[in-house]
Amino acid sequence: MNMQVNQTQAPDKDADVIIVGGGPVGMGLAIELGQRGIRCIVVERYAKPQPIPKGQNLTQRTMEHFHAWGAEKELRAARTIPPEYGIGGLTAYNTLLGSYSYDWLQRDLVKPYYFTANERLPQYATEAVLRDRAAELPSVETFYGWNFDSLRQDDEGVSVTVSEKNGSDSKTLRASYVVGCDGARSGVRQQAGISQTKTDHDRLMVLLVFRSQGLHKLLERFPGKSYYNVLQPELKGYWKFFGRVDLGNTWFFHAPVPPGTTADNFDFQAYLEDAVGASFDVEFEHIGFWDLRFMLADSYRSGRVFIAGDAAHSHPPYGGYGVNSGLEDARNLGWKLAAVLKGWGSEKLLDSYDQERRPVFRSTIDDFIAKSIETDHQFLDSFDPEKDRSAFEAAWSQRANGAAGEVHAFEPNYEGSPIVRSARESAIGNCSAKGSHIFTARAGHHLAPAALDDGRNAFEHLGEGYTLLAADMPAQTLETFRYVAGTRQLPLTIVETAKTDEFARYGSDLILVRPDAFVAWTNSEKFISNEDVENLLKAVI
């Protein structure tokens, strides 16, 4: 996507947007803004990405972000596991080497509905790619190795004080907006007075990073698998979870441990071997702990302060939802902040960030993560191969057959959003993480890819602002859209095409696409009045 540079910085401000936190979410937001010519400053306490391999699974949708940010090729080149090895998962009962296992979270099943394929690499490698891309953008300034100290907002902007992490220097920076991407213990969230709702599962969890060539050899029986979920009855639905960091050597492991466990009073090697079902060599590189809980902020906005990523929502690292949700936050908020700063977006547009993204994550918790823990708990309580093997195997087979359902059902959408309109001019449904993957263009849903009559994909035509995909439309209708968009200073790219076979799958001849590749509106009428176009464009910005 080619972005027009339009410096908007007010003379009394250091930037348009200050981003606190330079992890994947903060850097993604900086790139989204920087490519749009919005001056931003990133404040990040670590001079270099921390070598902890969290947040590894990147969905097809996330890779669409990297494509739009001009970093897809570089991200794929940074992968630590060869692409031909695969990035699939596996669920096993009791031990990895036991009698029962099935394929799990096979995200490649929904690849046809996205423009890009999914990817897998450690979070620190992702962060390095994002830092390199941000460094190419003159609109992005970075303060690596600086702490966020405080903020104060007024009617005109936000002042942020920062200090060197390993020095004595301090600064006060001022911008029109501040976004906290500073993690689950977000200082920005706390100082902005944004409350949160926590659901504590009262579980102490361990994160182990270790080296083992022996484990790689043991798991060669499962080709193409990169992560492994072990269900054991005594854990009541919580997982022992292995993941590859590279091919053949380095691993990470999450699991519940007893209260009071420390790095020195627990036999972690035996715990690993119990999950695998065999002995193997282990060389620990990192032993850390975290509390398993769900947290959702009660608002994603307080005046001129926004939060995104783990600052807005956090949960157990089950299913790879965290980093992907955070990057979607960045894409959603970024274009809306840019629209307002450039003068064509409204306060309603900024409010829609919370109205779209917060219920989606509420649904992610309720309909996917917490639900999977409860479902696994019920299964483990109900079936035991030692007591009734035939009943267990029947239930296990049913689970295996339904394993693809979660991937197909996870389809975050903004039905019911105040800036989405159906062909009937009214919003329908509710914003949710639960949906379905189909090619039909639906208001509030992600646009599926389609080849147009020039041989290029619709995604290769998307512009900086809104895009109108128009199949066999009369010139008068297109001119109406062009004229009304011009009067509102709304950047609108009009893509004219014949109705190819793939375009016909959209089920509409006119599709208005948002800057984040979600559908804002669809219609198939050949002639639309000036008044109707006025009302539509007013509604979506």
Protein backbone atom coordinates (compact mmCIF):
# COMPACT_ATOMS: atom_id res chain seq x y z
CA MET A 1 0.00 0.00 0.00
CA ASN A 2 1.49 3.33 -1.01
CA MET A 3 0.97 6.02 1.61
CA GLN A 4 1.06 9.75 0.96
CA VAL A 5 3.30 11.65 3.37
CA ASN A 6 1.52 14.61 4.91
CA GLN A 7 3.29 16.06 7.94
CA THR A 8 0.62 17.25 10.40
CA GLN A 9 2.64 18.11 13.49
CA ALA A 10 1.45 21.21 15.32
CA PRO A 11 4.27 23.72 16.03
CA ASP A 12 3.85 23.44 19.82
CA LYS A 13 4.04 19.63 19.82
CA ASP A 14 6.91 17.19 19.51
CA ALA A 15 4.71 14.74 17.59
CA ASP A 16 1.14 14.01 16.65
CA VAL A 17 1.10 10.73 18.59
CA ILE A 18 3.31 9.40 21.37
CA ILE A 19 3.34 5.61 21.63
CA VAL A 20 4.47 4.16 24.96
CA GLY A 21 5.78 0.64 24.44
CA GLY A 22 7.83 -0.57 21.50
CA GLY A 23 6.82 -4.21 21.36
CA PRO A 24 5.06 -5.59 18.27
CA VAL A 25 1.86 -3.62 18.90
CA GLY A 26 3.57 -0.29 19.52
CA MET A 27 5.92 -0.66 16.56
CA GLY A 28 3.07 -1.82 14.31
CA LEU A 29 1.07 1.25 15.27
CA ALA A 30 4.08 3.49 14.63
CA ILE A 31 4.45 2.04 11.14
CA GLU A 32 0.72 2.36 10.42
CA LEU A 33 0.88 6.03 11.43
CA GLY A 34 4.29 6.73 9.93
CA GLN A 35 3.33 5.43 6.51
CA ARG A 36 0.41 7.86 6.58
CA GLY A 37 2.72 10.80 7.30
CA ILE A 38 1.68 11.08 10.95
CA ARG A 39 4.62 12.10 13.14
CA CYS A 40 4.95 9.79 16.11
CA ILE A 41 7.42 9.07 18.90
CA VAL A 42 7.89 5.58 20.33
CA VAL A 43 9.11 5.33 23.94
CA GLU A 44 10.47 1.87 24.74
CA ARG A 45 12.39 0.91 27.88
CA TYR A 46 14.48 -1.84 26.25
CA ALA A 47 17.27 -0.85 23.89
CA LYS A 48 16.97 -4.21 22.13
CA PRO A 49 14.18 -6.81 21.81
CA GLN A 50 14.19 -9.22 24.76
CA PRO A 51 15.11 -12.81 23.78
CA ILE A 52 11.99 -14.48 25.22
CA PRO A 53 10.17 -16.48 22.47
CA LYS A 54 6.57 -15.50 23.17
CA GLY A 55 3.81 -14.62 20.69
CA GLN A 56 5.05 -16.85 17.86
CA ASN A 57 1.98 -17.75 15.81
CA LEU A 58 1.04 -15.04 13.31
CA THR A 59 -2.27 -15.54 11.52
CA GLN A 60 -3.04 -14.88 7.88
CA ARG A 61 -4.78 -11.67 8.92
CA THR A 62 -1.70 -10.50 10.83
CA MET A 63 0.44 -11.17 7.78
CA GLU A 64 -1.88 -8.90 5.80
CA HIS A 65 -0.81 -6.17 8.23
CA PHE A 66 2.85 -6.88 7.52
CA HIS A 67 2.13 -6.77 3.80
CA ALA A 68 0.45 -3.37 4.20
CA TRP A 69 3.36 -2.19 6.36
CA GLY A 70 5.93 -3.12 3.70
CA ALA A 71 7.57 -5.76 5.89
CA GLU A 72 6.09 -9.11 4.84
CA LYS A 73 9.13 -10.28 2.89
CA GLU A 74 11.51 -9.33 5.68
CA LEU A 75 9.38 -11.04 8.32
CA ARG A 76 9.27 -14.31 6.40
CA ALA A 77 13.04 -14.14 5.90
CA ALA A 78 13.47 -13.89 9.70
CA ARG A 79 11.71 -17.19 10.32
CA THR A 80 13.67 -19.58 12.54
CA ILE A 81 12.00 -22.80 11.35
CA PRO A 82 12.18 -23.74 7.64
CA PRO A 83 8.86 -23.06 5.87
CA GLU A 84 8.71 -26.58 4.47
CA TYR A 85 8.61 -27.96 8.01
CA GLY A 86 5.12 -26.58 8.60
CA ILE A 87 3.57 -24.61 11.45
CA GLY A 88 0.78 -26.90 12.56
CA GLY A 89 -0.15 -27.98 16.07
CA LEU A 90 -1.00 -31.19 17.88
CA THR A 91 -3.08 -32.10 20.93
CA ALA A 92 -2.17 -35.21 22.92
CA TYR A 93 -3.72 -37.00 25.88
CA ASN A 94 -1.57 -37.57 28.97
CA THR A 95 1.80 -37.63 27.14
CA LEU A 96 3.06 -36.53 23.74
CA LEU A 97 4.31 -40.03 22.99
CA GLY A 98 1.14 -41.74 24.17
CA SER A 99 -1.57 -43.46 22.14
CA TYR A 100 -3.89 -40.51 21.54
CA SER A 101 -3.25 -37.32 19.55
CA TYR A 102 -4.78 -35.28 16.76
CA ASP A 103 -4.01 -32.22 14.63
CA TRP A 104 -4.92 -28.95 16.34
CA LEU A 105 -5.26 -25.28 15.37
CA GLN A 106 -4.52 -25.85 11.69
CA ARG A 107 -4.82 -22.23 10.60
CA ASP A 108 -3.84 -23.05 7.03
CA LEU A 109 -7.43 -24.33 6.61
CA VAL A 110 -8.70 -20.74 6.21
CA LYS A 111 -5.89 -19.52 3.94
CA PRO A 112 -8.21 -19.11 0.87
CA TYR A 113 -10.07 -16.31 2.70
CA TYR A 114 -6.97 -14.16 3.22
CA PHE A 115 -4.50 -12.45 0.92
CA THR A 116 -1.42 -13.79 2.72
CA ALA A 117 -0.33 -17.06 4.34
CA ASN A 118 0.30 -17.37 8.07
CA GLU A 119 3.75 -17.42 9.67
CA ARG A 120 5.60 -18.48 12.81
CA LEU A 121 8.67 -16.99 14.47
CA PRO A 122 9.72 -15.81 17.95
CA GLN A 123 8.39 -12.44 19.07
CA TYR A 124 11.87 -10.96 19.39
CA ALA A 125 12.48 -11.71 15.70
CA THR A 126 9.16 -10.05 14.81
CA GLU A 127 10.11 -7.01 16.89
CA ALA A 128 13.47 -6.72 15.11
CA VAL A 129 11.77 -6.65 11.71
CA LEU A 130 9.31 -3.99 12.89
CA ARG A 131 12.09 -1.85 14.34
CA ASP A 132 13.98 -2.00 11.05
CA ARG A 133 10.88 -1.00 9.09
CA ALA A 134 10.08 1.87 11.46
CA ALA A 135 13.65 3.15 11.07
CA GLU A 136 12.97 3.64 7.34
CA LEU A 137 10.10 6.07 8.01
CA PRO A 138 11.06 9.73 8.58
CA SER A 139 7.79 10.29 10.46
CA VAL A 140 8.78 7.82 13.22
CA GLU A 141 11.17 8.82 16.03
CA THR A 142 12.24 6.23 18.61
CA PHE A 143 13.38 6.58 22.21
CA TYR A 144 14.83 3.12 22.92
CA GLY A 145 16.13 2.69 26.46
CA TRP A 146 13.72 5.26 27.93
CA ASN A 147 11.08 4.79 30.64
CA PHE A 148 7.62 6.28 30.67
CA ASP A 149 7.12 8.20 33.91
CA SER A 150 3.88 10.18 33.79
CA LEU A 151 1.29 11.85 31.60
CA ARG A 152 -1.03 14.82 31.86
CA GLN A 153 -3.73 15.60 29.32
CA ASP A 154 -5.74 18.74 28.61
CA ASP A 155 -8.10 19.95 25.91
CA GLU A 156 -5.27 20.53 23.43
CA GLY A 157 -3.01 17.53 23.91
CA VAL A 158 -1.05 15.26 26.22
CA SER A 159 2.29 15.87 27.95
CA VAL A 160 4.43 12.83 28.72
CA THR A 161 7.52 12.73 30.90
CA VAL A 162 10.18 10.13 30.11
CA SER A 163 13.60 9.32 31.56
CA GLU A 164 16.63 7.33 30.50
CA LYS A 165 16.54 3.80 31.86
CA ASN A 166 20.29 3.70 32.41
CA GLY A 167 21.02 7.39 32.66
CA SER A 168 20.03 10.66 34.29
CA ASP A 169 18.42 12.52 31.40
CA SER A 170 14.68 13.24 31.35
CA LYS A 171 12.32 14.94 28.91
CA THR A 172 8.78 16.18 28.65
CA LEU A 173 7.21 15.39 25.29
CA ARG A 174 3.92 16.71 23.98
CA ALA A 175 1.55 15.32 21.36
CA SER A 176 -2.08 15.45 20.35
CA TYR A 177 -2.66 11.83 21.44
CA VAL A 178 -0.95 9.13 23.48
CA VAL A 179 -1.34 5.38 23.01
CA GLY A 180 -0.27 2.95 25.72
CA CYS A 181 1.10 -0.26 24.23
CA ASP A 182 3.06 -0.94 27.41
CA GLY A 183 1.82 -4.35 28.46
CA ALA A 184 -0.49 -5.87 31.03
CA ARG A 185 0.87 -3.67 33.84
CA SER A 186 0.41 -0.56 31.69
CA GLY A 187 1.44 2.64 33.39
CA VAL A 188 -0.43 4.58 30.71
CA ARG A 189 -3.66 2.77 31.52
CA GLN A 190 -3.24 3.38 35.23
CA GLN A 191 -2.41 7.08 34.90
CA ALA A 192 -5.26 7.64 32.46
CA GLY A 193 -7.63 6.23 35.08
CA ILE A 194 -8.86 3.37 32.92
CA SER A 195 -10.20 0.54 35.08
CA GLN A 196 -10.09 -3.12 34.17
CA THR A 197 -12.04 -6.27 34.89
CA LYS A 198 -9.95 -9.27 35.87
CA THR A 199 -10.92 -12.92 35.95
CA ASP A 200 -8.31 -14.68 38.06
CA HIS A 201 -8.04 -18.42 37.50
CA ASP A 202 -5.73 -18.67 40.53
CA ARG A 203 -3.00 -20.53 38.68
CA LEU A 204 0.73 -19.95 38.87
CA MET A 205 2.30 -20.70 35.48
CA VAL A 206 5.88 -21.35 34.49
CA LEU A 207 7.60 -20.35 31.24
CA LEU A 208 10.63 -22.47 30.45
CA VAL A 209 13.00 -21.86 27.55
CA PHE A 210 15.40 -24.75 27.04
CA ARG A 211 17.63 -26.54 24.57
CA SER A 212 17.15 -30.20 23.67
CA GLN A 213 18.13 -32.07 20.55
CA GLY A 214 16.78 -35.24 22.12
CA LEU A 215 13.23 -33.84 22.24
CA HIS A 216 13.47 -33.02 18.55
CA LYS A 217 14.39 -36.62 17.79
CA LEU A 218 11.56 -37.95 19.95
CA LEU A 219 9.01 -35.79 18.14
CA GLU A 220 10.17 -36.60 14.61
CA ARG A 221 7.19 -38.97 14.53
CA PHE A 222 5.00 -35.83 14.15
CA PRO A 223 6.35 -34.15 10.99
CA GLY A 224 5.26 -30.59 10.28
CA LYS A 225 4.30 -29.79 13.86
CA SER A 226 5.66 -26.76 15.68
CA TYR A 227 3.62 -26.72 18.90
CA TYR A 228 2.17 -29.42 21.12
CA ASN A 229 -0.64 -29.27 23.67
CA VAL A 230 -0.78 -31.98 26.34
CA LEU A 231 -4.01 -32.64 28.28
CA GLN A 232 -3.57 -34.34 31.65
CA PRO A 233 -6.56 -35.07 33.93
CA GLU A 234 -4.95 -33.64 37.07
CA LEU A 235 -4.57 -30.19 35.43
CA LYS A 236 -8.35 -29.87 34.90
CA GLY A 237 -8.27 -28.35 31.44
CA TYR A 238 -5.12 -26.25 31.77
CA TRP A 239 -2.37 -27.24 29.38
CA LYS A 240 1.18 -28.34 29.27
CA PHE A 241 2.26 -26.60 26.12
CA PHE A 242 5.46 -27.02 24.08
CA GLY A 243 6.57 -24.88 21.15
CA ARG A 244 9.56 -24.89 18.85
CA VAL A 245 11.73 -21.77 18.79
CA ASP A 246 13.95 -23.16 16.05
CA LEU A 247 14.23 -26.49 14.29
CA GLY A 248 15.96 -29.17 16.31
CA ASN A 249 17.32 -27.35 19.32
CA THR A 250 15.42 -24.63 21.27
CA TRP A 251 11.96 -24.94 22.86
CA PHE A 252 9.57 -23.09 25.15
CA PHE A 253 7.11 -24.63 27.60
CA HIS A 254 4.09 -23.23 29.51
CA ALA A 255 2.29 -25.13 32.27
CA PRO A 256 0.63 -24.72 35.69
CA VAL A 257 2.88 -25.30 38.71
CA PRO A 258 2.06 -25.53 42.45
CA PRO A 259 1.77 -22.27 44.43
CA GLY A 260 5.09 -21.21 45.87
CA THR A 261 7.15 -22.81 43.06
CA THR A 262 10.48 -21.10 42.41
CA ALA A 263 13.33 -21.69 40.02
CA ASP A 264 15.17 -23.60 42.77
CA ASN A 265 12.56 -25.75 44.53
CA PHE A 266 10.95 -27.68 41.66
CA ASP A 267 12.15 -30.46 39.34
CA PHE A 268 11.36 -28.92 35.97
CA GLN A 269 13.14 -31.61 33.95
CA ALA A 270 10.93 -34.29 35.49
CA TYR A 271 7.89 -32.11 34.76
CA LEU A 272 8.88 -31.87 31.10
CA GLU A 273 9.57 -35.59 30.83
CA ASP A 274 6.21 -36.38 32.42
CA ALA A 275 4.49 -34.38 29.66
CA VAL A 276 6.51 -36.03 26.89
CA GLY A 277 6.47 -39.57 28.24
CA ALA A 278 10.22 -40.18 27.90
CA SER A 279 13.57 -38.98 29.20
CA PHE A 280 15.62 -36.51 27.15
CA ASP A 281 18.43 -33.99 27.52
CA VAL A 282 17.50 -30.51 28.83
CA GLU A 283 19.59 -27.35 29.11
CA PHE A 284 17.55 -24.50 30.62
CA GLU A 285 18.02 -20.98 29.29
CA HIS A 286 15.15 -19.23 31.11
CA ILE A 287 12.80 -20.01 34.00
CA GLY A 288 10.07 -17.45 34.63
CA PHE A 289 6.62 -17.31 36.21
CA TRP A 290 3.31 -15.57 35.53
CA ASP A 291 -0.23 -15.63 36.90
CA LEU A 292 -2.92 -17.09 34.69
CA ARG A 293 -5.79 -14.62 34.42
CA PHE A 294 -7.96 -12.80 31.94
CA MET A 295 -7.98 -9.01 31.95
CA LEU A 296 -10.09 -6.67 29.85
CA ALA A 297 -9.98 -2.89 30.22
CA ASP A 298 -13.37 -1.31 30.83
CA SER A 299 -12.60 1.23 28.11
CA TYR A 300 -9.90 1.54 25.47
CA ARG A 301 -10.01 5.34 25.58
CA SER A 302 -9.84 8.15 28.12
CA GLY A 303 -9.98 11.51 26.35
CA ARG A 304 -6.81 11.82 24.28
CA VAL A 305 -5.29 8.63 25.69
CA PHE A 306 -5.82 5.20 24.12
CA ILE A 307 -4.57 1.72 25.04
CA ALA A 308 -3.86 -1.26 22.79
CA GLY A 309 -2.50 -4.79 22.97
CA ASP A 310 -1.82 -6.27 26.41
CA ALA A 311 -2.44 -2.87 28.00
CA ALA A 312 -6.06 -3.27 26.91
CA HIS A 313 -6.47 -7.04 27.21
CA SER A 314 -4.45 -10.02 28.38
CA HIS A 315 -5.05 -13.74 28.72
CA PRO A 316 -3.24 -17.07 28.86
CA PRO A 317 -1.08 -17.70 25.76
CA TYR A 318 -3.49 -20.35 24.49
CA GLY A 319 -4.10 -20.44 20.75
CA GLY A 320 -1.89 -17.49 19.76
CA TYR A 321 -4.66 -14.92 20.14
CA GLY A 322 -2.69 -12.28 22.08
CA VAL A 323 -0.16 -10.79 19.68
CA ASN A 324 -2.55 -11.14 16.74
CA SER A 325 -5.31 -9.29 18.60
CA GLY A 326 -2.87 -6.57 19.59
CA LEU A 327 -1.67 -6.04 16.03
CA GLU A 328 -5.31 -5.80 14.91
CA ASP A 329 -5.76 -3.09 17.56
CA ALA A 330 -2.86 -1.19 16.02
CA ARG A 331 -4.25 -1.44 12.49
CA ASN A 332 -7.75 -0.42 13.61
CA LEU A 333 -6.65 2.54 15.72
CA GLY A 334 -3.89 3.73 13.41
CA TRP A 335 -5.97 4.68 10.39
CA LYS A 336 -8.60 6.31 12.59
CA LEU A 337 -6.07 8.52 14.39
CA ALA A 338 -4.55 9.44 11.02
CA ALA A 339 -8.00 10.31 9.61
CA VAL A 340 -8.74 12.68 12.49
CA LEU A 341 -5.29 14.27 12.40
CA LYS A 342 -5.63 14.86 8.66
CA GLY A 343 -9.03 16.42 9.08
CA TRP A 344 -11.41 13.97 7.41
CA GLY A 345 -12.21 11.76 10.39
CA SER A 346 -14.58 12.54 13.27
CA GLU A 347 -14.61 11.95 17.02
CA LYS A 348 -17.17 9.25 16.26
CA LEU A 349 -14.46 7.48 14.28
CA LEU A 350 -12.12 7.52 17.28
CA ASP A 351 -14.89 6.25 19.56
CA SER A 352 -15.45 3.33 17.19
CA TYR A 353 -12.03 1.91 18.13
CA ASP A 354 -13.35 0.91 21.56
CA GLN A 355 -16.78 0.00 20.20
CA GLU A 356 -15.27 -2.43 17.69
CA ARG A 357 -12.20 -3.86 19.36
CA ARG A 358 -13.30 -4.31 22.99
CA PRO A 359 -16.33 -6.56 22.32
CA VAL A 360 -14.24 -8.59 19.89
CA PHE A 361 -11.77 -9.40 22.65
CA ARG A 362 -14.58 -10.07 25.14
CA SER A 363 -15.80 -12.65 22.64
CA THR A 364 -12.27 -14.01 22.18
CA ILE A 365 -12.14 -14.69 25.92
CA ASP A 366 -15.65 -16.11 26.28
CA ASP A 367 -16.08 -18.00 23.01
CA PHE A 368 -12.57 -19.35 22.51
CA ILE A 369 -9.95 -19.21 25.28
CA ALA A 370 -11.99 -19.67 28.48
CA LYS A 371 -14.37 -21.94 26.63
CA SER A 372 -11.54 -24.24 25.56
CA ILE A 373 -10.30 -24.54 29.16
CA GLU A 374 -13.79 -25.44 30.37
CA THR A 375 -14.43 -27.84 27.47
CA ASP A 376 -11.15 -29.64 28.11
CA HIS A 377 -11.92 -29.80 31.84
CA GLN A 378 -15.32 -31.38 31.19
CA PHE A 379 -13.82 -33.91 28.80
CA LEU A 380 -11.08 -34.93 31.24
CA ASP A 381 -13.61 -35.30 34.06
CA SER A 382 -15.96 -37.36 31.92
CA PHE A 383 -13.69 -39.78 30.07
CA ASP A 384 -10.82 -42.01 31.16
CA PRO A 385 -9.31 -44.73 28.93
CA GLU A 386 -8.39 -46.76 32.02
CA LYS A 387 -12.04 -46.93 33.10
CA ASP A 388 -13.92 -47.10 29.76
CA ARG A 389 -11.65 -47.20 26.74
CA SER A 390 -14.39 -47.38 24.13
CA ALA A 391 -16.23 -44.34 25.52
CA PHE A 392 -12.96 -42.40 25.75
CA GLU A 393 -11.95 -43.25 22.19
CA ALA A 394 -15.35 -42.29 20.82
CA ALA A 395 -15.18 -38.92 22.60
CA TRP A 396 -11.55 -38.41 21.53
CA SER A 397 -12.46 -39.14 17.93
CA GLN A 398 -15.27 -36.61 18.13
CA ARG A 399 -12.84 -33.99 19.43
CA ALA A 400 -10.40 -34.78 16.61
CA ASN A 401 -13.12 -34.46 13.98
CA GLY A 402 -14.23 -31.12 15.39
CA ALA A 403 -10.75 -29.66 15.85
CA ALA A 404 -10.99 -27.60 12.66
CA GLY A 405 -14.12 -25.86 13.91
CA GLU A 406 -12.27 -23.39 16.13
CA VAL A 407 -10.14 -22.16 13.22
CA HIS A 408 -13.16 -21.67 10.97
CA ALA A 409 -15.23 -20.02 13.70
CA PHE A 410 -12.59 -17.47 14.75
CA GLU A 411 -13.50 -14.64 12.40
CA PRO A 412 -13.40 -11.29 14.22
CA ASN A 413 -15.97 -8.92 12.75
CA TYR A 414 -17.58 -5.56 13.37
CA GLU A 415 -21.23 -6.23 12.68
CA GLY A 416 -23.10 -3.61 14.64
CA SER A 417 -20.28 -1.07 14.48
CA PRO A 418 -21.50 2.55 14.27
CA ILE A 419 -19.31 3.10 11.20
CA VAL A 420 -20.54 0.06 9.26
CA ARG A 421 -23.65 0.07 7.06
CA SER A 422 -25.47 -2.80 5.42
CA ALA A 423 -27.21 -2.38 2.09
CA ARG A 424 -30.33 -1.57 4.13
CA GLU A 425 -28.52 1.44 5.65
CA SER A 426 -28.71 0.10 9.20
CA ALA A 427 -26.14 -1.68 11.34
CA ILE A 428 -26.84 -5.31 12.16
CA GLY A 429 -25.50 -7.86 14.60
CA ASN A 430 -22.79 -7.33 17.20
CA CYS A 431 -19.02 -6.97 17.11
CA SER A 432 -17.63 -10.41 17.89
CA ALA A 433 -14.68 -12.75 17.43
CA LYS A 434 -17.08 -15.50 16.41
CA GLY A 435 -18.20 -15.71 12.81
CA SER A 436 -17.67 -17.72 9.65
CA HIS A 437 -15.30 -17.73 6.74
CA ILE A 438 -17.07 -17.17 3.42
CA PHE A 439 -16.20 -15.24 0.26
CA THR A 440 -19.34 -13.10 0.33
CA ALA A 441 -18.56 -9.45 1.07
CA ARG A 442 -20.40 -8.59 4.29
CA ALA A 443 -20.57 -5.23 6.02
CA GLY A 444 -18.35 -5.35 9.10
CA HIS A 445 -16.36 -8.38 7.96
CA HIS A 446 -12.88 -8.82 6.57
CA LEU A 447 -12.66 -8.63 2.78
CA ALA A 448 -11.73 -11.92 1.13
CA PRO A 449 -9.19 -11.83 -1.71
CA ALA A 450 -10.31 -11.90 -5.33
CA ALA A 451 -8.53 -11.65 -8.69
CA LEU A 452 -9.78 -8.70 -10.76
CA ASP A 453 -9.89 -8.34 -14.52
CA ASP A 454 -6.31 -6.97 -14.70
CA GLY A 455 -4.99 -10.15 -13.09
CA ARG A 456 -4.09 -8.44 -9.82
CA ASN A 457 -5.76 -9.13 -6.51
CA ALA A 458 -8.22 -6.72 -4.95
CA PHE A 459 -5.79 -6.30 -2.05
CA GLU A 460 -3.18 -4.96 -4.46
CA HIS A 461 -5.58 -2.14 -5.37
CA LEU A 462 -6.46 -0.96 -1.86
CA GLY A 463 -5.63 2.70 -1.31
CA GLU A 464 -4.55 4.80 1.66
CA GLY A 465 -8.12 5.72 2.58
CA TYR A 466 -11.35 4.03 1.60
CA THR A 467 -11.52 1.92 -1.55
CA LEU A 468 -14.62 1.39 -3.71
CA LEU A 469 -14.54 -1.88 -5.64
CA ALA A 470 -16.95 -1.49 -8.55
CA ALA A 471 -17.87 -4.24 -11.01
CA ASP A 472 -19.52 -3.13 -14.27
CA MET A 473 -20.81 0.10 -12.74
CA PRO A 474 -22.02 3.08 -14.85
CA ALA A 475 -19.75 6.12 -14.93
CA GLN A 476 -22.46 8.28 -13.36
CA THR A 477 -22.48 6.23 -10.15
CA LEU A 478 -18.71 6.30 -9.85
CA GLU A 479 -18.63 10.05 -10.49
CA THR A 480 -21.15 10.57 -7.70
CA PHE A 481 -18.88 8.76 -5.24
CA ARG A 482 -15.85 10.65 -6.52
CA TYR A 483 -17.55 14.02 -6.18
CA VAL A 484 -19.01 13.46 -2.71
CA ALA A 485 -15.73 12.04 -1.37
CA GLY A 486 -13.97 15.13 -2.70
CA THR A 487 -16.32 17.50 -0.90
CA ARG A 488 -15.54 15.70 2.36
CA GLN A 489 -11.78 15.49 1.68
CA LEU A 490 -12.16 11.75 2.05
CA PRO A 491 -9.35 9.82 0.30
CA LEU A 492 -11.21 7.38 -1.94
CA THR A 493 -9.67 4.99 -4.44
CA ILE A 494 -12.16 3.76 -7.05
CA VAL A 495 -11.29 0.42 -8.63
CA GLU A 496 -13.27 -0.36 -11.77
CA THR A 497 -13.36 -3.96 -12.93
CA ALA A 498 -15.40 -6.39 -14.95
CA LYS A 499 -17.15 -8.98 -12.82
CA THR A 500 -14.64 -11.82 -12.81
CA ASP A 501 -15.59 -15.22 -11.47
CA GLU A 502 -13.80 -14.45 -8.22
CA PHE A 503 -15.37 -11.01 -7.89
CA ALA A 504 -18.79 -12.62 -8.39
CA ARG A 505 -18.21 -14.56 -5.15
CA TYR A 506 -18.51 -11.26 -3.28
CA GLY A 507 -22.23 -11.26 -4.04
CA SER A 508 -22.26 -7.46 -4.54
CA ASP A 509 -21.19 -5.18 -7.36
CA LEU A 510 -20.26 -2.21 -5.15
CA ILE A 511 -18.07 -2.80 -2.09
CA LEU A 512 -16.76 0.03 0.07
CA VAL A 513 -13.61 -1.15 1.86
CA ARG A 514 -12.10 0.55 4.90
CA PRO A 515 -8.37 1.30 5.20
CA ASP A 516 -7.97 -1.80 7.39
CA ALA A 517 -9.46 -4.09 4.69
CA PHE A 518 -12.80 -4.54 6.44
CA VAL A 519 -15.98 -4.00 4.46
CA ALA A 520 -17.90 -0.84 5.36
CA TRP A 521 -20.84 -1.24 2.97
CA THR A 522 -22.08 -3.28 0.02
CA ASN A 523 -24.69 -2.75 -2.68
CA SER A 524 -25.53 -3.90 -6.18
CA GLU A 525 -27.74 -1.04 -7.39
CA LYS A 526 -26.51 0.52 -10.62
CA PHE A 527 -27.56 4.06 -9.75
CA ILE A 528 -27.22 5.63 -6.28
CA SER A 529 -28.32 9.18 -5.56
CA ASN A 530 -26.06 11.96 -4.43
CA GLU A 531 -27.99 12.14 -1.15
CA ASP A 532 -27.55 8.42 -0.46
CA VAL A 533 -23.82 8.64 -1.08
CA GLU A 534 -23.62 11.70 1.18
CA ASN A 535 -25.38 9.82 3.98
CA LEU A 536 -23.20 6.75 3.50
CA LEU A 537 -19.85 8.54 3.58
CA LYS A 538 -20.94 10.66 6.52
CA ALA A 539 -21.87 7.51 8.43
CA VAL A 540 -18.57 5.67 7.90
CA ILE A 541 -16.23 8.51 8.97
